[in-house]
Amino acid sequence: EQSTYIVLMPHKNPDPDALGSVLALYEYIKALNKTVYMYCASEVPQTLSFLPHFDQILNKFPDKDIDLIINLDSGDIEYAGLLETLEQNNINPTIINIDHHPTNTHFGNINLVQPKASSTAEILYYFFQSLEIPVTDTMATNLLAGIISDTMNFTNKATSYPALSVTSEL
């Protein structure tokens, strides 16, 4: 609530879960009238350009006094591209780490890590629900991309009753 400049980051070479989660959270934070940017430390696959708000992702880190970075779907600070980003831009913001990987190193100042979740998108869905934040159609599209991707179309062991239930709601 007190942050002035916020950056949302997926891991390098983002998959639909990382990118969909960033895009859904971006829409929510933007609706709060906050200054929020999306940045990826690598090229973003054009195959995901159908996702809402994709065109808002920056390929250069914002030249602002960033005070909060929310990293989504990264097990560690290097995979996130965050370590090099902090060093290159000489910044020391608060870091929030939201992830579902059991190997997560809890690199954030604040960590929301739920290894039993199918995806980071599923964690965000429950976050929005717990705060009674309405999920718009475009947010739902982005979250669905993450869940469907990380469950490999509901064919791998990440497929669970909660994942199917969230998908049904979305």
N, C-alpha and C. Protein backbone atom coordinates (compact mmCIF):
# COMPACT_ATOMS: atom_id res chain seq x y z
N GLU A 1 0.82 -1.19 0.00
CA GLU A 1 0.00 0.00 0.00
C GLU A 1 0.87 1.27 0.00
N GLN A 2 2.05 1.19 0.62
CA GLN A 2 2.91 2.37 0.72
C GLN A 2 3.90 2.49 -0.43
N SER A 3 4.00 1.49 -1.27
CA SER A 3 4.97 1.52 -2.36
C SER A 3 4.58 2.55 -3.40
N THR A 4 5.61 3.21 -3.94
CA THR A 4 5.40 4.22 -4.96
C THR A 4 5.57 3.65 -6.35
N TYR A 5 6.68 2.93 -6.58
CA TYR A 5 6.97 2.33 -7.88
C TYR A 5 7.14 0.83 -7.70
N ILE A 6 6.29 0.08 -8.38
CA ILE A 6 6.24 -1.37 -8.23
C ILE A 6 6.61 -2.03 -9.56
N VAL A 7 7.42 -3.08 -9.48
CA VAL A 7 7.74 -3.88 -10.66
C VAL A 7 7.31 -5.31 -10.41
N LEU A 8 6.62 -5.88 -11.38
CA LEU A 8 6.25 -7.29 -11.36
C LEU A 8 7.16 -8.02 -12.34
N MET A 9 7.76 -9.12 -11.87
CA MET A 9 8.70 -9.87 -12.71
C MET A 9 8.39 -11.36 -12.72
N PRO A 10 8.29 -11.95 -13.92
CA PRO A 10 8.28 -13.41 -14.00
C PRO A 10 9.73 -13.90 -14.05
N HIS A 11 9.93 -15.21 -14.04
CA HIS A 11 11.28 -15.72 -14.24
C HIS A 11 11.72 -15.50 -15.68
N LYS A 12 13.02 -15.66 -15.92
CA LYS A 12 13.54 -15.53 -17.28
C LYS A 12 12.89 -16.59 -18.17
N ASN A 13 12.75 -16.27 -19.45
CA ASN A 13 12.10 -17.17 -20.41
C ASN A 13 10.76 -17.67 -19.85
N PRO A 14 9.86 -16.76 -19.57
CA PRO A 14 8.64 -17.11 -18.84
C PRO A 14 7.72 -18.07 -19.60
N ASP A 15 7.10 -18.94 -18.82
CA ASP A 15 6.08 -19.84 -19.32
C ASP A 15 4.72 -19.19 -19.04
N PRO A 16 3.62 -19.81 -19.45
CA PRO A 16 2.31 -19.19 -19.23
C PRO A 16 1.96 -18.98 -17.75
N ASP A 17 2.47 -19.82 -16.84
CA ASP A 17 2.16 -19.60 -15.42
C ASP A 17 2.84 -18.34 -14.92
N ALA A 18 4.12 -18.20 -15.21
CA ALA A 18 4.85 -17.01 -14.75
C ALA A 18 4.25 -15.74 -15.36
N LEU A 19 4.04 -15.76 -16.67
CA LEU A 19 3.56 -14.57 -17.35
C LEU A 19 2.09 -14.29 -17.03
N GLY A 20 1.26 -15.32 -17.03
CA GLY A 20 -0.16 -15.13 -16.72
C GLY A 20 -0.35 -14.58 -15.31
N SER A 21 0.47 -15.05 -14.38
CA SER A 21 0.38 -14.56 -13.00
C SER A 21 0.77 -13.08 -12.92
N VAL A 22 1.84 -12.72 -13.60
CA VAL A 22 2.27 -11.31 -13.63
C VAL A 22 1.17 -10.44 -14.24
N LEU A 23 0.61 -10.89 -15.34
CA LEU A 23 -0.40 -10.10 -16.04
C LEU A 23 -1.68 -9.93 -15.22
N ALA A 24 -2.10 -10.97 -14.53
CA ALA A 24 -3.31 -10.87 -13.68
C ALA A 24 -3.07 -9.93 -12.50
N LEU A 25 -1.91 -10.06 -11.86
CA LEU A 25 -1.60 -9.19 -10.72
C LEU A 25 -1.43 -7.74 -11.17
N TYR A 26 -0.87 -7.54 -12.36
CA TYR A 26 -0.72 -6.20 -12.93
C TYR A 26 -2.08 -5.51 -13.03
N GLU A 27 -3.07 -6.22 -13.55
CA GLU A 27 -4.39 -5.61 -13.71
C GLU A 27 -4.97 -5.19 -12.36
N TYR A 28 -4.80 -6.03 -11.36
CA TYR A 28 -5.31 -5.70 -10.02
C TYR A 28 -4.60 -4.47 -9.44
N ILE A 29 -3.27 -4.47 -9.49
CA ILE A 29 -2.52 -3.35 -8.90
C ILE A 29 -2.79 -2.06 -9.67
N LYS A 30 -2.88 -2.15 -10.97
CA LYS A 30 -3.19 -0.98 -11.80
C LYS A 30 -4.55 -0.38 -11.40
N ALA A 31 -5.51 -1.24 -11.08
CA ALA A 31 -6.84 -0.78 -10.67
C ALA A 31 -6.81 -0.04 -9.33
N LEU A 32 -5.73 -0.23 -8.56
CA LEU A 32 -5.57 0.48 -7.29
C LEU A 32 -4.95 1.87 -7.50
N ASN A 33 -4.76 2.24 -8.77
CA ASN A 33 -4.14 3.51 -9.15
C ASN A 33 -2.70 3.62 -8.66
N LYS A 34 -2.00 2.48 -8.67
CA LYS A 34 -0.58 2.44 -8.33
C LYS A 34 0.25 2.51 -9.61
N THR A 35 1.47 3.00 -9.49
CA THR A 35 2.40 2.98 -10.61
C THR A 35 3.06 1.61 -10.62
N VAL A 36 2.71 0.81 -11.59
CA VAL A 36 3.20 -0.56 -11.66
C VAL A 36 3.72 -0.87 -13.07
N TYR A 37 4.85 -1.55 -13.11
CA TYR A 37 5.47 -1.94 -14.37
C TYR A 37 5.62 -3.45 -14.38
N MET A 38 5.69 -4.01 -15.59
CA MET A 38 6.03 -5.42 -15.75
C MET A 38 7.33 -5.47 -16.53
N TYR A 39 8.27 -6.25 -16.01
CA TYR A 39 9.58 -6.36 -16.65
C TYR A 39 10.04 -7.81 -16.60
N CYS A 40 10.66 -8.25 -17.68
CA CYS A 40 11.25 -9.59 -17.72
C CYS A 40 12.72 -9.45 -18.09
N ALA A 41 13.57 -10.20 -17.39
CA ALA A 41 15.02 -10.12 -17.60
C ALA A 41 15.47 -10.85 -18.86
N SER A 42 14.54 -11.40 -19.61
CA SER A 42 14.87 -12.05 -20.88
C SER A 42 13.76 -11.74 -21.88
N GLU A 43 13.95 -12.24 -23.08
CA GLU A 43 12.93 -12.11 -24.11
C GLU A 43 11.64 -12.80 -23.66
N VAL A 44 10.51 -12.20 -23.96
CA VAL A 44 9.21 -12.80 -23.63
C VAL A 44 8.68 -13.48 -24.89
N PRO A 45 8.30 -14.74 -24.79
CA PRO A 45 7.84 -15.48 -25.99
C PRO A 45 6.62 -14.83 -26.64
N GLN A 46 6.73 -14.55 -27.92
CA GLN A 46 5.62 -13.95 -28.66
C GLN A 46 4.43 -14.90 -28.78
N THR A 47 4.65 -16.18 -28.54
CA THR A 47 3.55 -17.15 -28.57
C THR A 47 2.53 -16.87 -27.47
N LEU A 48 2.92 -16.06 -26.47
CA LEU A 48 2.02 -15.72 -25.38
C LEU A 48 1.39 -14.33 -25.56
N SER A 49 1.58 -13.74 -26.73
CA SER A 49 1.09 -12.37 -26.96
C SER A 49 -0.44 -12.28 -26.96
N PHE A 50 -1.13 -13.41 -26.99
CA PHE A 50 -2.60 -13.39 -26.92
C PHE A 50 -3.10 -13.06 -25.52
N LEU A 51 -2.23 -13.14 -24.51
CA LEU A 51 -2.65 -12.89 -23.14
C LEU A 51 -2.93 -11.40 -22.92
N PRO A 52 -4.03 -11.08 -22.22
CA PRO A 52 -4.36 -9.67 -21.97
C PRO A 52 -3.24 -8.93 -21.23
N HIS A 53 -2.93 -7.74 -21.68
CA HIS A 53 -1.93 -6.82 -21.13
C HIS A 53 -0.49 -7.18 -21.54
N PHE A 54 -0.34 -8.17 -22.40
CA PHE A 54 1.00 -8.60 -22.85
C PHE A 54 1.80 -7.41 -23.40
N ASP A 55 1.13 -6.52 -24.10
CA ASP A 55 1.82 -5.38 -24.74
C ASP A 55 2.37 -4.36 -23.74
N GLN A 56 2.06 -4.53 -22.47
CA GLN A 56 2.54 -3.60 -21.44
C GLN A 56 3.87 -4.04 -20.81
N ILE A 57 4.38 -5.21 -21.20
CA ILE A 57 5.61 -5.72 -20.61
C ILE A 57 6.81 -4.97 -21.17
N LEU A 58 7.66 -4.48 -20.29
CA LEU A 58 8.84 -3.72 -20.70
C LEU A 58 10.02 -4.66 -20.96
N ASN A 59 10.84 -4.29 -21.94
CA ASN A 59 12.06 -5.05 -22.17
C ASN A 59 13.28 -4.32 -21.59
N LYS A 60 13.03 -3.20 -20.93
CA LYS A 60 14.07 -2.44 -20.24
C LYS A 60 13.55 -2.10 -18.85
N PHE A 61 14.41 -2.27 -17.84
CA PHE A 61 13.99 -2.00 -16.47
C PHE A 61 13.64 -0.52 -16.33
N PRO A 62 12.55 -0.20 -15.66
CA PRO A 62 12.13 1.21 -15.54
C PRO A 62 13.17 2.06 -14.82
N ASP A 63 13.37 3.25 -15.34
CA ASP A 63 14.32 4.19 -14.75
C ASP A 63 13.62 5.01 -13.67
N LYS A 64 13.25 4.33 -12.61
CA LYS A 64 12.53 4.94 -11.49
C LYS A 64 13.15 4.43 -10.20
N ASP A 65 12.79 5.04 -9.10
CA ASP A 65 13.26 4.59 -7.79
C ASP A 65 12.33 3.48 -7.30
N ILE A 66 12.53 2.29 -7.83
CA ILE A 66 11.66 1.15 -7.55
C ILE A 66 11.79 0.78 -6.07
N ASP A 67 10.65 0.71 -5.38
CA ASP A 67 10.71 0.36 -3.95
C ASP A 67 10.09 -1.00 -3.64
N LEU A 68 9.46 -1.64 -4.65
CA LEU A 68 8.89 -2.97 -4.45
C LEU A 68 8.99 -3.77 -5.74
N ILE A 69 9.53 -4.98 -5.63
CA ILE A 69 9.51 -5.92 -6.75
C ILE A 69 8.76 -7.16 -6.29
N ILE A 70 7.75 -7.54 -7.06
CA ILE A 70 7.03 -8.79 -6.79
C ILE A 70 7.45 -9.77 -7.86
N ASN A 71 8.10 -10.84 -7.43
CA ASN A 71 8.58 -11.86 -8.36
C ASN A 71 7.64 -13.05 -8.31
N LEU A 72 7.22 -13.51 -9.46
CA LEU A 72 6.24 -14.59 -9.54
C LEU A 72 6.80 -15.81 -10.26
N ASP A 73 6.61 -16.97 -9.65
CA ASP A 73 6.89 -18.28 -10.24
C ASP A 73 8.38 -18.57 -10.38
N SER A 74 9.18 -18.12 -9.44
CA SER A 74 10.63 -18.38 -9.49
C SER A 74 11.09 -19.05 -8.21
N GLY A 75 11.81 -20.15 -8.35
CA GLY A 75 12.29 -20.89 -7.20
C GLY A 75 13.48 -20.26 -6.50
N ASP A 76 14.26 -19.46 -7.24
CA ASP A 76 15.40 -18.79 -6.61
C ASP A 76 15.69 -17.47 -7.30
N ILE A 77 16.50 -16.67 -6.66
CA ILE A 77 16.74 -15.29 -7.10
C ILE A 77 17.48 -15.22 -8.44
N GLU A 78 18.33 -16.20 -8.72
CA GLU A 78 19.04 -16.19 -10.00
C GLU A 78 18.13 -16.56 -11.16
N TYR A 79 17.35 -17.64 -10.98
CA TYR A 79 16.42 -18.07 -12.03
C TYR A 79 15.44 -16.94 -12.35
N ALA A 80 15.11 -16.18 -11.36
CA ALA A 80 14.19 -15.06 -11.53
C ALA A 80 14.78 -13.96 -12.41
N GLY A 81 16.11 -13.91 -12.50
CA GLY A 81 16.74 -12.79 -13.19
C GLY A 81 16.81 -11.58 -12.28
N LEU A 82 16.49 -11.80 -11.02
CA LEU A 82 16.38 -10.71 -10.06
C LEU A 82 17.74 -10.24 -9.55
N LEU A 83 18.65 -11.17 -9.31
CA LEU A 83 19.97 -10.80 -8.79
C LEU A 83 20.68 -9.84 -9.73
N GLU A 84 20.72 -10.19 -11.01
CA GLU A 84 21.39 -9.32 -11.98
C GLU A 84 20.64 -8.00 -12.15
N THR A 85 19.31 -8.03 -12.05
CA THR A 85 18.52 -6.81 -12.17
C THR A 85 18.82 -5.84 -11.03
N LEU A 86 18.91 -6.38 -9.81
CA LEU A 86 19.22 -5.53 -8.65
C LEU A 86 20.61 -4.92 -8.78
N GLU A 87 21.58 -5.74 -9.19
CA GLU A 87 22.96 -5.25 -9.33
C GLU A 87 23.09 -4.23 -10.45
N GLN A 88 22.51 -4.50 -11.60
CA GLN A 88 22.63 -3.60 -12.75
C GLN A 88 21.97 -2.25 -12.50
N ASN A 89 20.92 -2.25 -11.70
CA ASN A 89 20.18 -1.00 -11.46
C ASN A 89 20.49 -0.36 -10.11
N ASN A 90 21.39 -0.99 -9.36
CA ASN A 90 21.83 -0.47 -8.07
C ASN A 90 20.65 -0.06 -7.18
N ILE A 91 19.74 -1.01 -6.99
CA ILE A 91 18.55 -0.76 -6.17
C ILE A 91 18.45 -1.80 -5.07
N ASN A 92 17.71 -1.46 -4.03
CA ASN A 92 17.50 -2.37 -2.91
C ASN A 92 16.04 -2.31 -2.45
N PRO A 93 15.12 -2.76 -3.32
CA PRO A 93 13.70 -2.68 -2.97
C PRO A 93 13.27 -3.83 -2.06
N THR A 94 12.09 -3.71 -1.51
CA THR A 94 11.46 -4.84 -0.84
C THR A 94 11.10 -5.85 -1.93
N ILE A 95 11.31 -7.13 -1.63
CA ILE A 95 11.00 -8.18 -2.61
C ILE A 95 9.93 -9.11 -2.04
N ILE A 96 8.88 -9.29 -2.83
CA ILE A 96 7.85 -10.28 -2.49
C ILE A 96 8.00 -11.43 -3.48
N ASN A 97 8.06 -12.63 -2.95
CA ASN A 97 8.27 -13.84 -3.72
C ASN A 97 6.99 -14.68 -3.65
N ILE A 98 6.33 -14.88 -4.79
CA ILE A 98 5.12 -15.70 -4.84
C ILE A 98 5.40 -16.88 -5.77
N ASP A 99 5.30 -18.09 -5.21
CA ASP A 99 5.72 -19.25 -5.99
C ASP A 99 5.09 -20.54 -5.46
N HIS A 100 5.16 -21.59 -6.27
CA HIS A 100 4.61 -22.89 -5.88
C HIS A 100 5.63 -24.02 -5.91
N HIS A 101 6.87 -23.75 -6.24
CA HIS A 101 7.88 -24.81 -6.36
C HIS A 101 8.41 -25.23 -4.98
N PRO A 102 8.46 -26.54 -4.72
CA PRO A 102 8.95 -27.03 -3.42
C PRO A 102 10.42 -26.68 -3.16
N THR A 103 11.16 -26.39 -4.22
CA THR A 103 12.58 -26.05 -4.08
C THR A 103 12.82 -24.56 -3.84
N ASN A 104 11.76 -23.79 -3.66
CA ASN A 104 11.90 -22.35 -3.49
C ASN A 104 12.81 -22.04 -2.31
N THR A 105 13.72 -21.08 -2.51
CA THR A 105 14.71 -20.71 -1.49
C THR A 105 14.24 -19.59 -0.56
N HIS A 106 13.01 -19.15 -0.70
CA HIS A 106 12.45 -18.08 0.14
C HIS A 106 13.35 -16.84 0.14
N PHE A 107 13.67 -16.38 -1.07
CA PHE A 107 14.60 -15.26 -1.25
C PHE A 107 13.98 -13.89 -1.02
N GLY A 108 12.68 -13.82 -0.83
CA GLY A 108 12.04 -12.52 -0.67
C GLY A 108 12.06 -12.01 0.75
N ASN A 109 11.79 -10.73 0.90
CA ASN A 109 11.55 -10.18 2.23
C ASN A 109 10.22 -10.72 2.76
N ILE A 110 9.30 -10.94 1.82
CA ILE A 110 8.02 -11.57 2.11
C ILE A 110 7.88 -12.72 1.12
N ASN A 111 7.53 -13.91 1.62
CA ASN A 111 7.43 -15.10 0.77
C ASN A 111 6.05 -15.71 0.89
N LEU A 112 5.37 -15.86 -0.22
CA LEU A 112 4.12 -16.60 -0.28
C LEU A 112 4.40 -17.81 -1.17
N VAL A 113 4.83 -18.88 -0.53
CA VAL A 113 5.24 -20.10 -1.24
C VAL A 113 4.34 -21.23 -0.79
N GLN A 114 3.64 -21.82 -1.75
CA GLN A 114 2.70 -22.91 -1.45
C GLN A 114 3.00 -24.08 -2.38
N PRO A 115 3.89 -24.99 -1.94
CA PRO A 115 4.32 -26.10 -2.80
C PRO A 115 3.22 -27.06 -3.22
N LYS A 116 2.10 -27.08 -2.52
CA LYS A 116 1.02 -28.00 -2.90
C LYS A 116 0.13 -27.43 -4.01
N ALA A 117 0.30 -26.17 -4.32
CA ALA A 117 -0.49 -25.55 -5.38
C ALA A 117 -0.02 -26.05 -6.75
N SER A 118 -0.93 -26.12 -7.69
CA SER A 118 -0.58 -26.57 -9.04
C SER A 118 0.29 -25.56 -9.77
N SER A 119 0.13 -24.30 -9.38
CA SER A 119 0.75 -23.21 -10.14
C SER A 119 0.74 -21.94 -9.29
N THR A 120 1.51 -20.99 -9.73
CA THR A 120 1.47 -19.68 -9.09
C THR A 120 0.12 -19.02 -9.35
N ALA A 121 -0.44 -19.27 -10.51
CA ALA A 121 -1.76 -18.73 -10.84
C ALA A 121 -2.82 -19.20 -9.84
N GLU A 122 -2.74 -20.46 -9.41
CA GLU A 122 -3.69 -20.96 -8.42
C GLU A 122 -3.53 -20.21 -7.10
N ILE A 123 -2.30 -19.95 -6.69
CA ILE A 123 -2.03 -19.20 -5.45
C ILE A 123 -2.65 -17.80 -5.56
N LEU A 124 -2.46 -17.15 -6.71
CA LEU A 124 -3.03 -15.81 -6.88
C LEU A 124 -4.55 -15.83 -6.84
N TYR A 125 -5.15 -16.85 -7.41
CA TYR A 125 -6.61 -16.96 -7.36
C TYR A 125 -7.07 -16.96 -5.90
N TYR A 126 -6.43 -17.80 -5.06
CA TYR A 126 -6.82 -17.86 -3.64
C TYR A 126 -6.51 -16.55 -2.92
N PHE A 127 -5.44 -15.87 -3.32
CA PHE A 127 -5.11 -14.56 -2.76
C PHE A 127 -6.24 -13.57 -3.06
N PHE A 128 -6.65 -13.52 -4.33
CA PHE A 128 -7.74 -12.62 -4.71
C PHE A 128 -9.03 -12.97 -3.95
N GLN A 129 -9.33 -14.24 -3.85
CA GLN A 129 -10.55 -14.68 -3.15
C GLN A 129 -10.50 -14.30 -1.67
N SER A 130 -9.36 -14.48 -1.04
CA SER A 130 -9.26 -14.20 0.39
C SER A 130 -9.45 -12.71 0.70
N LEU A 131 -9.10 -11.87 -0.25
CA LEU A 131 -9.28 -10.42 -0.06
C LEU A 131 -10.56 -9.90 -0.73
N GLU A 132 -11.37 -10.84 -1.23
CA GLU A 132 -12.62 -10.50 -1.91
C GLU A 132 -12.40 -9.55 -3.08
N ILE A 133 -11.34 -9.81 -3.82
CA ILE A 133 -11.01 -9.02 -5.01
C ILE A 133 -11.70 -9.67 -6.20
N PRO A 134 -12.55 -8.95 -6.90
CA PRO A 134 -13.22 -9.53 -8.07
C PRO A 134 -12.20 -9.88 -9.15
N VAL A 135 -12.32 -11.07 -9.71
CA VAL A 135 -11.46 -11.50 -10.81
C VAL A 135 -12.18 -11.18 -12.11
N THR A 136 -11.61 -10.28 -12.88
CA THR A 136 -12.21 -9.89 -14.16
C THR A 136 -12.02 -11.00 -15.19
N ASP A 137 -12.68 -10.87 -16.31
CA ASP A 137 -12.52 -11.86 -17.39
C ASP A 137 -11.08 -11.93 -17.87
N THR A 138 -10.41 -10.77 -17.97
CA THR A 138 -9.03 -10.79 -18.46
C THR A 138 -8.08 -11.36 -17.42
N MET A 139 -8.34 -11.08 -16.15
CA MET A 139 -7.52 -11.70 -15.09
C MET A 139 -7.71 -13.22 -15.12
N ALA A 140 -8.97 -13.66 -15.31
CA ALA A 140 -9.27 -15.09 -15.37
C ALA A 140 -8.55 -15.76 -16.53
N THR A 141 -8.52 -15.10 -17.68
CA THR A 141 -7.81 -15.65 -18.84
C THR A 141 -6.34 -15.88 -18.52
N ASN A 142 -5.73 -14.88 -17.87
CA ASN A 142 -4.30 -15.00 -17.52
C ASN A 142 -4.06 -16.09 -16.49
N LEU A 143 -4.92 -16.19 -15.50
CA LEU A 143 -4.76 -17.23 -14.48
C LEU A 143 -5.00 -18.62 -15.06
N LEU A 144 -5.99 -18.75 -15.93
CA LEU A 144 -6.25 -20.04 -16.58
C LEU A 144 -5.05 -20.50 -17.41
N ALA A 145 -4.42 -19.57 -18.10
CA ALA A 145 -3.23 -19.93 -18.89
C ALA A 145 -2.18 -20.57 -17.99
N GLY A 146 -2.00 -20.02 -16.79
CA GLY A 146 -1.02 -20.56 -15.86
C GLY A 146 -1.37 -21.95 -15.36
N ILE A 147 -2.61 -22.14 -14.97
CA ILE A 147 -3.03 -23.44 -14.43
C ILE A 147 -3.00 -24.52 -15.52
N ILE A 148 -3.55 -24.20 -16.68
CA ILE A 148 -3.58 -25.18 -17.76
C ILE A 148 -2.16 -25.56 -18.18
N SER A 149 -1.28 -24.58 -18.24
CA SER A 149 0.10 -24.83 -18.62
C SER A 149 0.83 -25.72 -17.62
N ASP A 150 0.74 -25.35 -16.34
CA ASP A 150 1.51 -26.10 -15.32
C ASP A 150 0.94 -27.48 -15.01
N THR A 151 -0.32 -27.72 -15.38
CA THR A 151 -0.88 -29.07 -15.23
C THR A 151 -0.76 -29.85 -16.54
N MET A 152 -0.16 -29.22 -17.54
CA MET A 152 -0.05 -29.81 -18.88
C MET A 152 -1.42 -30.29 -19.36
N ASN A 153 -2.35 -29.36 -19.38
CA ASN A 153 -3.73 -29.66 -19.80
C ASN A 153 -4.37 -30.72 -18.91
N PHE A 154 -4.10 -30.62 -17.63
CA PHE A 154 -4.68 -31.52 -16.61
C PHE A 154 -4.25 -32.98 -16.79
N THR A 155 -2.98 -33.17 -17.17
CA THR A 155 -2.49 -34.53 -17.39
C THR A 155 -1.33 -34.93 -16.47
N ASN A 156 -0.80 -34.00 -15.67
CA ASN A 156 0.34 -34.37 -14.82
C ASN A 156 -0.06 -34.37 -13.34
N LYS A 157 0.90 -34.65 -12.47
CA LYS A 157 0.59 -34.79 -11.05
C LYS A 157 0.23 -33.47 -10.36
N ALA A 158 0.46 -32.35 -11.02
CA ALA A 158 0.02 -31.06 -10.46
C ALA A 158 -1.51 -30.92 -10.54
N THR A 159 -2.13 -31.76 -11.35
CA THR A 159 -3.59 -31.75 -11.47
C THR A 159 -4.18 -32.27 -10.16
N SER A 160 -5.01 -31.45 -9.55
CA SER A 160 -5.58 -31.79 -8.24
C SER A 160 -7.01 -31.27 -8.20
N TYR A 161 -7.72 -31.70 -7.18
CA TYR A 161 -9.08 -31.19 -7.00
C TYR A 161 -9.07 -29.65 -6.89
N PRO A 162 -8.18 -29.07 -6.05
CA PRO A 162 -8.17 -27.59 -5.99
C PRO A 162 -7.89 -26.94 -7.35
N ALA A 163 -6.97 -27.51 -8.12
CA ALA A 163 -6.66 -26.93 -9.43
C ALA A 163 -7.88 -26.98 -10.36
N LEU A 164 -8.57 -28.11 -10.34
CA LEU A 164 -9.77 -28.25 -11.18
C LEU A 164 -10.90 -27.34 -10.68
N SER A 165 -11.02 -27.22 -9.36
CA SER A 165 -12.04 -26.36 -8.77
C SER A 165 -11.81 -24.89 -9.15
N VAL A 166 -10.57 -24.44 -9.03
CA VAL A 166 -10.23 -23.06 -9.40
C VAL A 166 -10.50 -22.85 -10.89
N THR A 167 -10.11 -23.80 -11.71
CA THR A 167 -10.34 -23.70 -13.15
C THR A 167 -11.83 -23.57 -13.43
N SER A 168 -12.62 -24.36 -12.75
CA SER A 168 -14.07 -24.31 -12.92
C SER A 168 -14.61 -22.91 -12.55
N GLU A 169 -14.12 -22.35 -11.45
CA GLU A 169 -14.57 -21.02 -11.04
C GLU A 169 -14.17 -19.95 -12.07
N LEU A 170 -12.96 -20.08 -12.57
CA LEU A 170 -12.47 -19.08 -13.54
C LEU A 170 -13.23 -19.20 -14.85
